[in-house]
PDB file of N, CA and C in Angstrom:
ATOM      1  N   MET A   1      70.471  93.913  82.750  1.00  0.00           N
ATOM      2  CA  MET A   1      69.210  92.227  82.994  1.00  0.00           C
ATOM      3  C   MET A   1      69.151  90.982  82.490  1.00  0.00           C
ATOM      4  N   SER A   2      68.887  90.343  83.057  1.00  0.00           N
ATOM      5  CA  SER A   2      69.253  88.724  81.557  1.00  0.00           C
ATOM      6  C   SER A   2      67.739  88.400  81.526  1.00  0.00           C
ATOM      7  N   GLU A   3      67.797  88.075  80.352  1.00  0.00           N
ATOM      8  CA  GLU A   3      66.706  87.965  78.839  1.00  0.00           C
ATOM      9  C   GLU A   3      66.073  86.422  79.667  1.00  0.00           C
ATOM     10  N   LEU A   4      64.958  86.378  79.688  1.00  0.00           N
ATOM     11  CA  LEU A   4      63.503  85.137  80.164  1.00  0.00           C
ATOM     12  C   LEU A   4      63.452  84.596  78.863  1.00  0.00           C
ATOM     13  N   ASN A   5      63.487  82.846  78.818  1.00  0.00           N
ATOM     14  CA  ASN A   5      63.189  82.345  76.994  1.00  0.00           C
ATOM     15  C   ASN A   5      62.241  81.473  77.731  1.00  0.00           C
ATOM     16  N   HIS A   6      60.867  81.445  76.952  1.00  0.00           N
ATOM     17  CA  HIS A   6      60.099  80.335  77.789  1.00  0.00           C
ATOM     18  C   HIS A   6      59.635  79.232  77.024  1.00  0.00           C
ATOM     19  N   ILE A   7      60.015  78.244  76.522  1.00  0.00           N
ATOM     20  CA  ILE A   7      59.567  77.174  76.297  1.00  0.00           C
ATOM     21  C   ILE A   7      58.477  76.478  76.594  1.00  0.00           C
ATOM     22  N   GLY A   8      57.671  75.587  74.961  1.00  0.00           N
ATOM     23  CA  GLY A   8      56.390  75.680  75.932  1.00  0.00           C
ATOM     24  C   GLY A   8      55.234  76.056  76.378  1.00  0.00           C
ATOM     25  N   ILE A   9      55.204  77.340  75.883  1.00  0.00           N
ATOM     26  CA  ILE A   9      53.723  78.484  76.689  1.00  0.00           C
ATOM     27  C   ILE A   9      53.022  77.880  76.014  1.00  0.00           C
ATOM     28  N   ASN A  10      51.545  78.150  77.258  1.00  0.00           N
ATOM     29  CA  ASN A  10      50.072  77.238  77.402  1.00  0.00           C
ATOM     30  C   ASN A  10      49.277  78.796  77.840  1.00  0.00           C
ATOM     31  N   ARG A  11      48.539  78.856  77.884  1.00  0.00           N
ATOM     32  CA  ARG A  11      47.783  79.689  78.865  1.00  0.00           C
ATOM     33  C   ARG A  11      47.657  79.703  81.111  1.00  0.00           C
ATOM     34  N   ARG A  12      48.302  78.645  81.243  1.00  0.00           N
ATOM     35  CA  ARG A  12      48.567  78.380  82.666  1.00  0.00           C
ATOM     36  C   ARG A  12      49.544  78.472  82.777  1.00  0.00           C
ATOM     37  N   PHE A  13      50.890  78.115  82.233  1.00  0.00           N
ATOM     38  CA  PHE A  13      52.328  77.803  82.295  1.00  0.00           C
ATOM     39  C   PHE A  13      53.481  78.382  81.589  1.00  0.00           C
ATOM     40  N   SER A  14      54.765  77.466  81.253  1.00  0.00           N
ATOM     41  CA  SER A  14      55.894  77.285  80.570  1.00  0.00           C
ATOM     42  C   SER A  14      56.014  76.020  81.017  1.00  0.00           C
ATOM     43  N   GLU A  15      56.681  75.322  80.044  1.00  0.00           N
ATOM     44  CA  GLU A  15      56.795  73.852  79.718  1.00  0.00           C
ATOM     45  C   GLU A  15      58.235  74.192  81.138  1.00  0.00           C
ATOM     46  N   CYS A  16      59.286  75.010  80.128  1.00  0.00           N
ATOM     47  CA  CYS A  16      60.223  75.498  80.504  1.00  0.00           C
ATOM     48  C   CYS A  16      60.691  77.055  81.058  1.00  0.00           C
ATOM     49  N   VAL A  17      61.093  77.902  81.833  1.00  0.00           N
ATOM     50  CA  VAL A  17      61.783  78.985  81.937  1.00  0.00           C
ATOM     51  C   VAL A  17      63.234  79.103  81.674  1.00  0.00           C
ATOM     52  N   VAL A  18      64.079  79.312  80.946  1.00  0.00           N
ATOM     53  CA  VAL A  18      65.539  79.804  81.086  1.00  0.00           C
ATOM     54  C   VAL A  18      66.192  81.411  81.515  1.00  0.00           C
ATOM     55  N   HIS A  19      66.628  81.512  82.389  1.00  0.00           N
ATOM     56  CA  HIS A  19      67.121  82.594  83.426  1.00  0.00           C
ATOM     57  C   HIS A  19      68.030  82.699  83.790  1.00  0.00           C
ATOM     58  N   ASP A  20      68.478  83.709  83.225  1.00  0.00           N
ATOM     59  CA  ASP A  20      70.098  83.169  83.912  1.00  0.00           C
ATOM     60  C   ASP A  20      71.029  82.612  84.449  1.00  0.00           C
ATOM     61  N   GLY A  21      71.108  81.180  83.067  1.00  0.00           N
ATOM     62  CA  GLY A  21      72.060  79.932  82.618  1.00  0.00           C
ATOM     63  C   GLY A  21      71.308  79.497  83.922  1.00  0.00           C
ATOM     64  N   LYS A  22      70.081  79.119  84.592  1.00  0.00           N
ATOM     65  CA  LYS A  22      69.577  77.993  84.555  1.00  0.00           C
ATOM     66  C   LYS A  22      68.062  77.891  83.241  1.00  0.00           C
ATOM     67  N   VAL A  23      68.452  76.181  84.006  1.00  0.00           N
ATOM     68  CA  VAL A  23      66.524  75.870  83.341  1.00  0.00           C
ATOM     69  C   VAL A  23      65.814  75.640  84.489  1.00  0.00           C
ATOM     70  N   TYR A  24      64.169  76.281  84.196  1.00  0.00           N
ATOM     71  CA  TYR A  24      63.110  74.865  85.017  1.00  0.00           C
ATOM     72  C   TYR A  24      62.327  75.262  84.367  1.00  0.00           C
ATOM     73  N   ILE A  25      62.627  73.639  85.389  1.00  0.00           N
ATOM     74  CA  ILE A  25      61.151  72.291  83.944  1.00  0.00           C
ATOM     75  C   ILE A  25      59.987  72.414  85.088  1.00  0.00           C
ATOM     76  N   SER A  26      58.751  73.108  84.653  1.00  0.00           N
ATOM     77  CA  SER A  26      57.574  72.280  85.317  1.00  0.00           C
ATOM     78  C   SER A  26      57.392  70.993  85.322  1.00  0.00           C
ATOM     79  N   GLY A  27      56.796  70.533  86.643  1.00  0.00           N
ATOM     80  CA  GLY A  27      55.828  69.844  86.459  1.00  0.00           C
ATOM     81  C   GLY A  27      55.830  68.789  85.186  1.00  0.00           C
ATOM     82  N   GLN A  28      55.921  67.892  84.601  1.00  0.00           N
ATOM     83  CA  GLN A  28      55.824  66.523  83.850  1.00  0.00           C
ATOM     84  C   GLN A  28      55.792  65.245  83.884  1.00  0.00           C
ATOM     85  N   VAL A  29      54.583  64.939  83.084  1.00  0.00           N
ATOM     86  CA  VAL A  29      53.732  64.285  83.330  1.00  0.00           C
ATOM     87  C   VAL A  29      53.191  63.043  82.116  1.00  0.00           C
ATOM     88  N   ASP A  30      52.911  62.185  82.008  1.00  0.00           N
ATOM     89  CA  ASP A  30      53.297  61.412  80.902  1.00  0.00           C
ATOM     90  C   ASP A  30      51.939  61.239  80.404  1.00  0.00           C
ATOM     91  N   PHE A  31      50.664  62.102  79.143  1.00  0.00           N
ATOM     92  CA  PHE A  31      49.722  61.852  79.078  1.00  0.00           C
ATOM     93  C   PHE A  31      48.856  60.439  78.616  1.00  0.00           C
ATOM     94  N   ASN A  32      49.691  59.872  78.324  1.00  0.00           N
ATOM     95  CA  ASN A  32      48.949  58.125  78.109  1.00  0.00           C
ATOM     96  C   ASN A  32      48.658  57.533  79.347  1.00  0.00           C
ATOM     97  N   ARG A  33      47.929  57.485  79.895  1.00  0.00           N
ATOM     98  CA  ARG A  33      46.775  57.377  81.272  1.00  0.00           C
ATOM     99  C   ARG A  33      47.052  56.261  81.586  1.00  0.00           C
ATOM    100  N   GLY A  34      47.092  55.204  81.097  1.00  0.00           N
ATOM    101  CA  GLY A  34      46.436  53.677  81.088  1.00  0.00           C
ATOM    102  C   GLY A  34      47.771  52.392  81.007  1.00  0.00           C
ATOM    103  N   ARG A  35      49.160  53.782  81.187  1.00  0.00           N
ATOM    104  CA  ARG A  35      49.766  53.113  81.595  1.00  0.00           C
ATOM    105  C   ARG A  35      50.731  52.673  82.981  1.00  0.00           C
ATOM    106  N   GLY A  36      51.888  51.980  82.843  1.00  0.00           N
ATOM    107  CA  GLY A  36      52.444  51.135  84.387  1.00  0.00           C
ATOM    108  C   GLY A  36      52.948  52.735  84.825  1.00  0.00           C
ATOM    109  N   VAL A  37      54.193  52.249  86.046  1.00  0.00           N
ATOM    110  CA  VAL A  37      54.959  53.300  86.684  1.00  0.00           C
ATOM    111  C   VAL A  37      55.736  53.855  86.016  1.00  0.00           C
ATOM    112  N   VAL A  38      56.237  52.388  85.277  1.00  0.00           N
ATOM    113  CA  VAL A  38      58.096  52.277  84.294  1.00  0.00           C
ATOM    114  C   VAL A  38      57.775  53.035  83.419  1.00  0.00           C
ATOM    115  N   GLU A  39      56.483  52.461  82.153  1.00  0.00           N
ATOM    116  CA  GLU A  39      56.380  53.652  80.724  1.00  0.00           C
ATOM    117  C   GLU A  39      56.322  54.896  81.295  1.00  0.00           C
ATOM    118  N   GLN A  40      55.364  55.292  82.706  1.00  0.00           N
ATOM    119  CA  GLN A  40      55.674  57.449  82.572  1.00  0.00           C
ATOM    120  C   GLN A  40      56.382  57.858  82.571  1.00  0.00           C
ATOM    121  N   THR A  41      56.972  56.850  83.930  1.00  0.00           N
ATOM    122  CA  THR A  41      58.405  56.980  83.659  1.00  0.00           C
ATOM    123  C   THR A  41      59.535  57.932  83.076  1.00  0.00           C
ATOM    124  N   LYS A  42      59.863  56.890  82.242  1.00  0.00           N
ATOM    125  CA  LYS A  42      60.096  56.772  81.272  1.00  0.00           C
ATOM    126  C   LYS A  42      60.072  57.961  79.836  1.00  0.00           C
ATOM    127  N   ALA A  43      58.358  58.002  79.945  1.00  0.00           N
ATOM    128  CA  ALA A  43      57.862  58.899  78.796  1.00  0.00           C
ATOM    129  C   ALA A  43      58.565  60.404  79.601  1.00  0.00           C
ATOM    130  N   VAL A  44      58.080  60.846  81.140  1.00  0.00           N
ATOM    131  CA  VAL A  44      58.339  61.427  81.525  1.00  0.00           C
ATOM    132  C   VAL A  44      59.368  61.951  81.115  1.00  0.00           C
ATOM    133  N   LEU A  45      60.585  61.865  81.774  1.00  0.00           N
ATOM    134  CA  LEU A  45      62.068  61.647  81.799  1.00  0.00           C
ATOM    135  C   LEU A  45      62.862  62.184  79.876  1.00  0.00           C
ATOM    136  N   ASN A  46      61.745  61.449  79.196  1.00  0.00           N
ATOM    137  CA  ASN A  46      62.037  61.838  77.787  1.00  0.00           C
ATOM    138  C   ASN A  46      61.718  62.851  77.255  1.00  0.00           C
ATOM    139  N   ALA A  47      60.233  63.550  77.534  1.00  0.00           N
ATOM    140  CA  ALA A  47      60.147  64.575  77.877  1.00  0.00           C
ATOM    141  C   ALA A  47      61.592  65.815  78.559  1.00  0.00           C
ATOM    142  N   ILE A  48      61.439  65.398  79.761  1.00  0.00           N
ATOM    143  CA  ILE A  48      62.883  66.381  80.468  1.00  0.00           C
ATOM    144  C   ILE A  48      64.375  66.536  79.246  1.00  0.00           C
ATOM    145  N   ASP A  49      64.710  65.793  78.398  1.00  0.00           N
ATOM    146  CA  ASP A  49      65.350  65.430  78.090  1.00  0.00           C
ATOM    147  C   ASP A  49      65.187  66.470  77.030  1.00  0.00           C
ATOM    148  N   SER A  50      64.082  66.042  76.311  1.00  0.00           N
ATOM    149  CA  SER A  50      63.747  66.996  75.366  1.00  0.00           C
ATOM    150  C   SER A  50      63.460  68.321  75.775  1.00  0.00           C
ATOM    151  N   LEU A  51      63.174  69.116  76.753  1.00  0.00           N
ATOM    152  CA  LEU A  51      63.586  70.408  77.325  1.00  0.00           C
ATOM    153  C   LEU A  51      64.534  70.729  77.312  1.00  0.00           C
ATOM    154  N   LEU A  52      64.935  69.741  77.782  1.00  0.00           N
ATOM    155  CA  LEU A  52      66.613  69.980  78.046  1.00  0.00           C
ATOM    156  C   LEU A  52      67.718  70.945  76.434  1.00  0.00           C
ATOM    157  N   ILE A  53      67.542  69.824  75.406  1.00  0.00           N
ATOM    158  CA  ILE A  53      67.870  69.688  75.014  1.00  0.00           C
ATOM    159  C   ILE A  53      67.294  71.230  74.498  1.00  0.00           C
ATOM    160  N   GLN A  54      65.929  71.654  74.327  1.00  0.00           N
ATOM    161  CA  GLN A  54      66.046  73.112  73.647  1.00  0.00           C
ATOM    162  C   GLN A  54      66.498  74.440  74.337  1.00  0.00           C
ATOM    163  N   ALA A  55      66.777  74.241  75.588  1.00  0.00           N
ATOM    164  CA  ALA A  55      66.913  74.681  76.195  1.00  0.00           C
ATOM    165  C   ALA A  55      68.730  75.245  76.287  1.00  0.00           C
ATOM    166  N   GLY A  56      69.199  74.014  75.839  1.00  0.00           N
ATOM    167  CA  GLY A  56      71.143  74.417  75.837  1.00  0.00           C
ATOM    168  C   GLY A  56      71.164  73.695  76.523  1.00  0.00           C
ATOM    169  N   THR A  57      71.247  72.515  77.035  1.00  0.00           N
ATOM    170  CA  THR A  57      71.885  71.741  78.371  1.00  0.00           C
ATOM    171  C   THR A  57      71.406  70.624  77.984  1.00  0.00           C
ATOM    172  N   ASP A  58      71.677  69.969  78.878  1.00  0.00           N
ATOM    173  CA  ASP A  58      71.135  67.746  78.924  1.00  0.00           C
ATOM    174  C   ASP A  58      71.091  67.375  80.200  1.00  0.00           C
ATOM    175  N   LYS A  59      70.980  66.416  80.836  1.00  0.00           N
ATOM    176  CA  LYS A  59      70.438  65.183  82.242  1.00  0.00           C
ATOM    177  C   LYS A  59      71.976  65.492  83.447  1.00  0.00           C
ATOM    178  N   HIS A  60      72.859  65.843  82.534  1.00  0.00           N
ATOM    179  CA  HIS A  60      74.004  65.411  82.802  1.00  0.00           C
ATOM    180  C   HIS A  60      74.455  67.100  83.636  1.00  0.00           C
ATOM    181  N   HIS A  61      73.618  68.063  84.001  1.00  0.00           N
ATOM    182  CA  HIS A  61      73.391  69.306  84.521  1.00  0.00           C
ATOM    183  C   HIS A  61      72.247  70.354  85.431  1.00  0.00           C
ATOM    184  N   ILE A  62      71.678  68.969  85.705  1.00  0.00           N
ATOM    185  CA  ILE A  62      70.434  68.869  85.902  1.00  0.00           C
ATOM    186  C   ILE A  62      70.843  69.403  87.823  1.00  0.00           C
ATOM    187  N   LEU A  63      70.431  70.344  88.012  1.00  0.00           N
ATOM    188  CA  LEU A  63      71.478  70.511  89.763  1.00  0.00           C
ATOM    189  C   LEU A  63      70.062  69.657  90.497  1.00  0.00           C
ATOM    190  N   LYS A  64      68.732  69.559  90.436  1.00  0.00           N
ATOM    191  CA  LYS A  64      67.857  69.501  91.727  1.00  0.00           C
ATOM    192  C   LYS A  64      66.596  69.021  90.629  1.00  0.00           C
ATOM    193  N   ALA A  65      66.067  68.220  91.676  1.00  0.00           N
ATOM    194  CA  ALA A  65      64.437  67.319  90.368  1.00  0.00           C
ATOM    195  C   ALA A  65      63.738  67.133  92.135  1.00  0.00           C
ATOM    196  N   GLU A  66      62.675  66.839  90.882  1.00  0.00           N
ATOM    197  CA  GLU A  66      61.569  66.462  92.813  1.00  0.00           C
ATOM    198  C   GLU A  66      60.667  65.926  91.697  1.00  0.00           C
ATOM    199  N   VAL A  67      60.453  64.653  92.581  1.00  0.00           N
ATOM    200  CA  VAL A  67      60.102  63.738  91.904  1.00  0.00           C
ATOM    201  C   VAL A  67      58.292  63.298  92.761  1.00  0.00           C
ATOM    202  N   TYR A  68      56.787  63.451  92.271  1.00  0.00           N
ATOM    203  CA  TYR A  68      56.146  62.596  92.973  1.00  0.00           C
ATOM    204  C   TYR A  68      54.857  62.027  92.615  1.00  0.00           C
ATOM    205  N   LEU A  69      55.434  60.585  93.067  1.00  0.00           N
ATOM    206  CA  LEU A  69      54.152  59.620  93.140  1.00  0.00           C
ATOM    207  C   LEU A  69      52.739  59.904  93.651  1.00  0.00           C
ATOM    208  N   ALA A  70      51.715  59.426  93.010  1.00  0.00           N
ATOM    209  CA  ALA A  70      50.507  59.198  92.907  1.00  0.00           C
ATOM    210  C   ALA A  70      50.385  58.178  94.595  1.00  0.00           C
ATOM    211  N   ASP A  71      51.164  56.971  94.345  1.00  0.00           N
ATOM    212  CA  ASP A  71      51.726  56.311  95.355  1.00  0.00           C
ATOM    213  C   ASP A  71      52.818  55.328  95.446  1.00  0.00           C
ATOM    214  N   ILE A  72      53.478  55.792  96.749  1.00  0.00           N
ATOM    215  CA  ILE A  72      54.818  55.889  97.230  1.00  0.00           C
ATOM    216  C   ILE A  72      55.192  54.222  97.320  1.00  0.00           C
ATOM    217  N   GLY A  73      54.610  54.040  96.711  1.00  0.00           N
ATOM    218  CA  GLY A  73      54.362  52.243  96.264  1.00  0.00           C
ATOM    219  C   GLY A  73      55.751  52.037  95.326  1.00  0.00           C
ATOM    220  N   ASP A  74      55.274  52.798  94.278  1.00  0.00           N
ATOM    221  CA  ASP A  74      56.072  52.715  93.346  1.00  0.00           C
ATOM    222  C   ASP A  74      57.733  53.120  93.315  1.00  0.00           C
ATOM    223  N   TYR A  75      57.971  53.567  94.015  1.00  0.00           N
ATOM    224  CA  TYR A  75      58.979  54.358  94.665  1.00  0.00           C
ATOM    225  C   TYR A  75      60.341  54.019  94.010  1.00  0.00           C
ATOM    226  N   ALA A  76      60.236  52.137  94.702  1.00  0.00           N
ATOM    227  CA  ALA A  76      60.916  50.987  93.337  1.00  0.00           C
ATOM    228  C   ALA A  76      61.277  50.939  92.132  1.00  0.00           C
ATOM    229  N   ASP A  77      60.129  50.851  91.931  1.00  0.00           N
ATOM    230  CA  ASP A  77      60.347  50.538  89.971  1.00  0.00           C
ATOM    231  C   ASP A  77      60.391  51.758  89.216  1.00  0.00           C
ATOM    232  N   MET A  78      59.961  53.442  90.220  1.00  0.00           N
ATOM    233  CA  MET A  78      60.025  54.108  89.469  1.00  0.00           C
ATOM    234  C   MET A  78      61.854  54.578  89.397  1.00  0.00           C
ATOM    235  N   ASN A  79      62.588  54.416  90.721  1.00  0.00           N
ATOM    236  CA  ASN A  79      64.124  54.202  91.141  1.00  0.00           C
ATOM    237  C   ASN A  79      65.014  53.321  90.150  1.00  0.00           C
ATOM    238  N   LYS A  80      63.696  52.569  89.635  1.00  0.00           N
ATOM    239  CA  LYS A  80      65.253  51.544  88.552  1.00  0.00           C
ATOM    240  C   LYS A  80      64.770  51.718  87.087  1.00  0.00           C
ATOM    241  N   VAL A  81      64.246  52.619  86.733  1.00  0.00           N
ATOM    242  CA  VAL A  81      63.979  53.807  85.165  1.00  0.00           C
ATOM    243  C   VAL A  81      65.295  54.729  85.636  1.00  0.00           C
ATOM    244  N   TRP A  82      64.739  55.312  86.694  1.00  0.00           N
ATOM    245  CA  TRP A  82      65.608  56.699  87.400  1.00  0.00           C
ATOM    246  C   TRP A  82      67.270  56.430  86.994  1.00  0.00           C
ATOM    247  N   GLU A  83      68.138  55.662  87.769  1.00  0.00           N
ATOM    248  CA  GLU A  83      68.837  54.986  87.997  1.00  0.00           C
ATOM    249  C   GLU A  83      69.802  54.324  86.366  1.00  0.00           C
ATOM    250  N   GLU A  84      68.760  53.721  85.278  1.00  0.00           N
ATOM    251  CA  GLU A  84      69.132  53.601  84.420  1.00  0.00           C
ATOM    252  C   GLU A  84      69.017  54.827  83.397  1.00  0.00           C
ATOM    253  N   TRP A  85      68.621  56.578  84.463  1.00  0.00           N
ATOM    254  CA  TRP A  85      69.055  57.798  82.861  1.00  0.00           C
ATOM    255  C   TRP A  85      69.459  58.283  83.415  1.00  0.00           C
ATOM    256  N   VAL A  86      69.438  58.380  84.847  1.00  0.00           N
ATOM    257  CA  VAL A  86      70.498  59.456  85.698  1.00  0.00           C
ATOM    258  C   VAL A  86      71.996  59.337  84.963  1.00  0.00           C
ATOM    259  N   SER A  87      72.429  60.763  85.239  1.00  0.00           N
ATOM    260  CA  SER A  87      73.878  61.095  84.864  1.00  0.00           C
ATOM    261  C   SER A  87      74.735  60.311  86.493  1.00  0.00           C
ATOM    262  N   PRO A  88      76.130  60.033  85.528  1.00  0.00           N
ATOM    263  CA  PRO A  88      76.847  58.846  86.541  1.00  0.00           C
ATOM    264  C   PRO A  88      77.276  59.664  88.360  1.00  0.00           C
ATOM    265  N   THR A  89      76.733  61.165  87.838  1.00  0.00           N
ATOM    266  CA  THR A  89      77.241  61.918  89.048  1.00  0.00           C
ATOM    267  C   THR A  89      75.186  62.668  88.893  1.00  0.00           C
ATOM    268  N   PRO A  90      74.330  62.328  89.729  1.00  0.00           N
ATOM    269  CA  PRO A  90      73.202  62.637  90.082  1.00  0.00           C
ATOM    270  C   PRO A  90      73.372  64.307  90.554  1.00  0.00           C
ATOM    271  N   PRO A  91      71.801  65.120  90.752  1.00  0.00           N
ATOM    272  CA  PRO A  91      71.537  65.391  90.792  1.00  0.00           C
ATOM    273  C   PRO A  91      70.900  65.626  92.539  1.00  0.00           C
ATOM    274  N   ALA A  92      70.875  66.568  92.932  1.00  0.00           N
ATOM    275  CA  ALA A  92      70.420  66.894  94.772  1.00  0.00           C
ATOM    276  C   ALA A  92      68.569  65.889  93.606  1.00  0.00           C
ATOM    277  N   ARG A  93      68.083  65.429  94.699  1.00  0.00           N
ATOM    278  CA  ARG A  93      66.432  64.882  94.709  1.00  0.00           C
ATOM    279  C   ARG A  93      65.609  64.767  95.714  1.00  0.00           C
ATOM    280  N   SER A  94      64.167  65.056  95.507  1.00  0.00           N
ATOM    281  CA  SER A  94      63.025  64.660  96.643  1.00  0.00           C
ATOM    282  C   SER A  94      62.104  63.751  95.641  1.00  0.00           C
ATOM    283  N   THR A  95      61.524  62.939  96.753  1.00  0.00           N
ATOM    284  CA  THR A  95      60.375  62.262  95.936  1.00  0.00           C
ATOM    285  C   THR A  95      59.667  62.278  97.382  1.00  0.00           C
ATOM    286  N   LEU A  96      58.116  62.084  96.879  1.00  0.00           N
ATOM    287  CA  LEU A  96      57.167  62.545  97.655  1.00  0.00           C
ATOM    288  C   LEU A  96      56.192  61.934  97.703  1.00  0.00           C
ATOM    289  N   GLN A  97      55.335  61.340  98.124  1.00  0.00           N
ATOM    290  CA  GLN A  97      54.010  61.425  97.598  1.00  0.00           C
ATOM    291  C   GLN A  97      52.811  62.082  97.369  1.00  0.00           C
ATOM    292  N   SER A  98      51.965  62.388  96.435  1.00  0.00           N
ATOM    293  CA  SER A  98      51.143  63.007  95.552  1.00  0.00           C
ATOM    294  C   SER A  98      50.306  63.008  95.645  1.00  0.00           C
ATOM    295  N   ALA A  99      49.178  63.730  95.980  1.00  0.00           N
ATOM    296  CA  ALA A  99      48.247  63.708  94.993  1.00  0.00           C
ATOM    297  C   ALA A  99      47.941  64.422  93.905  1.00  0.00           C
ATOM    298  N   LEU A 100      48.303  63.441  92.670  1.00  0.00           N
ATOM    299  CA  LEU A 100      48.652  64.813  91.174  1.00  0.00           C
ATOM    300  C   LEU A 100      46.627  64.963  90.684  1.00  0.00           C
ATOM    301  N   PRO A 101      47.067  65.658  90.009  1.00  0.00           N
ATOM    302  CA  PRO A 101      45.411  66.753  89.283  1.00  0.00           C
ATOM    303  C   PRO A 101      44.913  65.519  88.677  1.00  0.00           C
ATOM    304  N   ASP A 102      45.014  64.604  88.164  1.00  0.00           N
ATOM    305  CA  ASP A 102      45.009  63.750  87.683  1.00  0.00           C
ATOM    306  C   ASP A 102      44.985  62.245  87.978  1.00  0.00           C
ATOM    307  N   PRO A 103      43.659  61.275  88.197  1.00  0.00           N
ATOM    308  CA  PRO A 103      43.992  60.168  88.816  1.00  0.00           C
ATOM    309  C   PRO A 103      44.900  59.363  87.758  1.00  0.00           C
ATOM    310  N   GLY A 104      45.214  59.018  86.381  1.00  0.00           N
ATOM    311  CA  GLY A 104      45.826  58.911  85.374  1.00  0.00           C
ATOM    312  C   GLY A 104      47.248  58.834  85.627  1.00  0.00           C
ATOM    313  N   TRP A 105      47.370  59.869  86.480  1.00  0.00           N
ATOM    314  CA  TRP A 105      48.875  60.345  86.342  1.00  0.00           C
ATOM    315  C   TRP A 105      49.207  59.709  87.301  1.00  0.00           C
ATOM    316  N   LEU A 106      50.670  58.623  87.457  1.00  0.00           N
ATOM    317  CA  LEU A 106      51.542  57.766  89.175  1.00  0.00           C
ATOM    318  C   LEU A 106      52.706  59.232  88.911  1.00  0.00           C
ATOM    319  N   ILE A 107      53.082  59.355  88.077  1.00  0.00           N
ATOM    320  CA  ILE A 107      54.646  60.127  88.633  1.00  0.00           C
ATOM    321  C   ILE A 107      54.206  61.522  87.648  1.00  0.00           C
ATOM    322  N   GLN A 108      54.661  62.944  88.443  1.00  0.00           N
ATOM    323  CA  GLN A 108      55.095  64.083  88.120  1.00  0.00           C
ATOM    324  C   GLN A 108      56.122  64.723  88.284  1.00  0.00           C
ATOM    325  N   ILE A 109      57.580  65.121  87.105  1.00  0.00           N
ATOM    326  CA  ILE A 109      58.986  65.039  88.036  1.00  0.00           C
ATOM    327  C   ILE A 109      58.692  66.602  87.496  1.00  0.00           C
ATOM    328  N   SER A 110      59.414  67.612  87.870  1.00  0.00           N
ATOM    329  CA  SER A 110      60.285  68.971  87.983  1.00  0.00           C
ATOM    330  C   SER A 110      61.842  68.793  87.997  1.00  0.00           C
ATOM    331  N   ALA A 111      62.530  69.760  87.267  1.00  0.00           N
ATOM    332  CA  ALA A 111      64.157  69.656  87.707  1.00  0.00           C
ATOM    333  C   ALA A 111      63.881  71.238  87.012  1.00  0.00           C
ATOM    334  N   VAL A 112      65.630  71.608  87.561  1.00  0.00           N
ATOM    335  CA  VAL A 112      66.474  72.927  87.661  1.00  0.00           C
ATOM    336  C   VAL A 112      67.519  72.418  86.786  1.00  0.00           C
ATOM    337  N   ALA A 113      68.074  72.934  86.105  1.00  0.00           N
ATOM    338  CA  ALA A 113      69.503  72.678  85.460  1.00  0.00           C
ATOM    339  C   ALA A 113      70.349  74.196  85.347  1.00  0.00           C
ATOM    340  N   SER A 114      71.168  73.844  85.062  1.00  0.00           N
ATOM    341  CA  SER A 114      72.342  74.891  84.123  1.00  0.00           C
ATOM    342  C   SER A 114      72.790  74.402  82.819  1.00  0.00           C
ATOM    343  N   ILE A 115      73.190  75.228  82.781  1.00  0.00           N
ATOM    344  CA  ILE A 115      73.192  75.324  81.202  1.00  0.00           C
ATOM    345  C   ILE A 115      75.079  75.914  81.074  1.00  0.00           C
ATOM    346  N   PRO A 116      75.931  74.887  80.483  1.00  0.00           N
ATOM    347  CA  PRO A 116      77.344  74.490  80.267  1.00  0.00           C
ATOM    348  C   PRO A 116      77.313  76.153  79.777  1.00  0.00           C
ATOM    349  N   GLU A 117      78.635  76.366  80.091  1.00  0.00           N
ATOM    350  CA  GLU A 117      79.316  78.211  79.935  1.00  0.00           C
ATOM    351  C   GLU A 117      79.807  77.573  78.523  1.00  0.00           C
ATOM    352  N   GLU A 118      79.749  78.126  77.417  1.00  0.00           N
ATOM    353  CA  GLU A 118      80.460  77.968  76.653  1.00  0.00           C
ATOM    354  C   GLU A 118      81.738  77.892  76.112  1.00  0.00           C
ATOM    355  N   SER A 119      83.062  77.012  75.850  1.00  0.00           N
ATOM    356  CA  SER A 119      84.324  77.627  76.011  1.00  0.00           C
ATOM    357  C   SER A 119      84.647  78.374  74.802  1.00  0.00           C
TER     358      SER A 119
END
C-alpha cells in the first residue's frame, strides 16, 4: 500500500497530499486581499512552487491545473502571469469563473503533479 504524505495540514484540509507518485495541491489563494489579479496570481503560483518543492517536484511536472477566477474579465491579465511562469510544456488546464468563498480573493488555483522517478 502506498504511503500518504500530508503537507500543510489544518483542521479542514491539507494544502498538499502526496500519494503514489502524485502531488495533489488544494486550491491556493492569496490572503492579501487588497491586491489585484496580477499580484494575486503571482502569489498563488509562488505558493504552488513552494508546495511542489516540499513534495519533491516542480512546475515542470504539473499534469493538470484548475484556475478559478472571481471575474472572468481577469482572464487576460491572469494568462500573462501564467504564461511567464508555466513550463514550456504546459499542463492540461481549465479556467472557470467561480464565486470564491472570500470576496477579496480574485483567483484560486489547484493542481496535480507527478514526482519524477529517481534515476
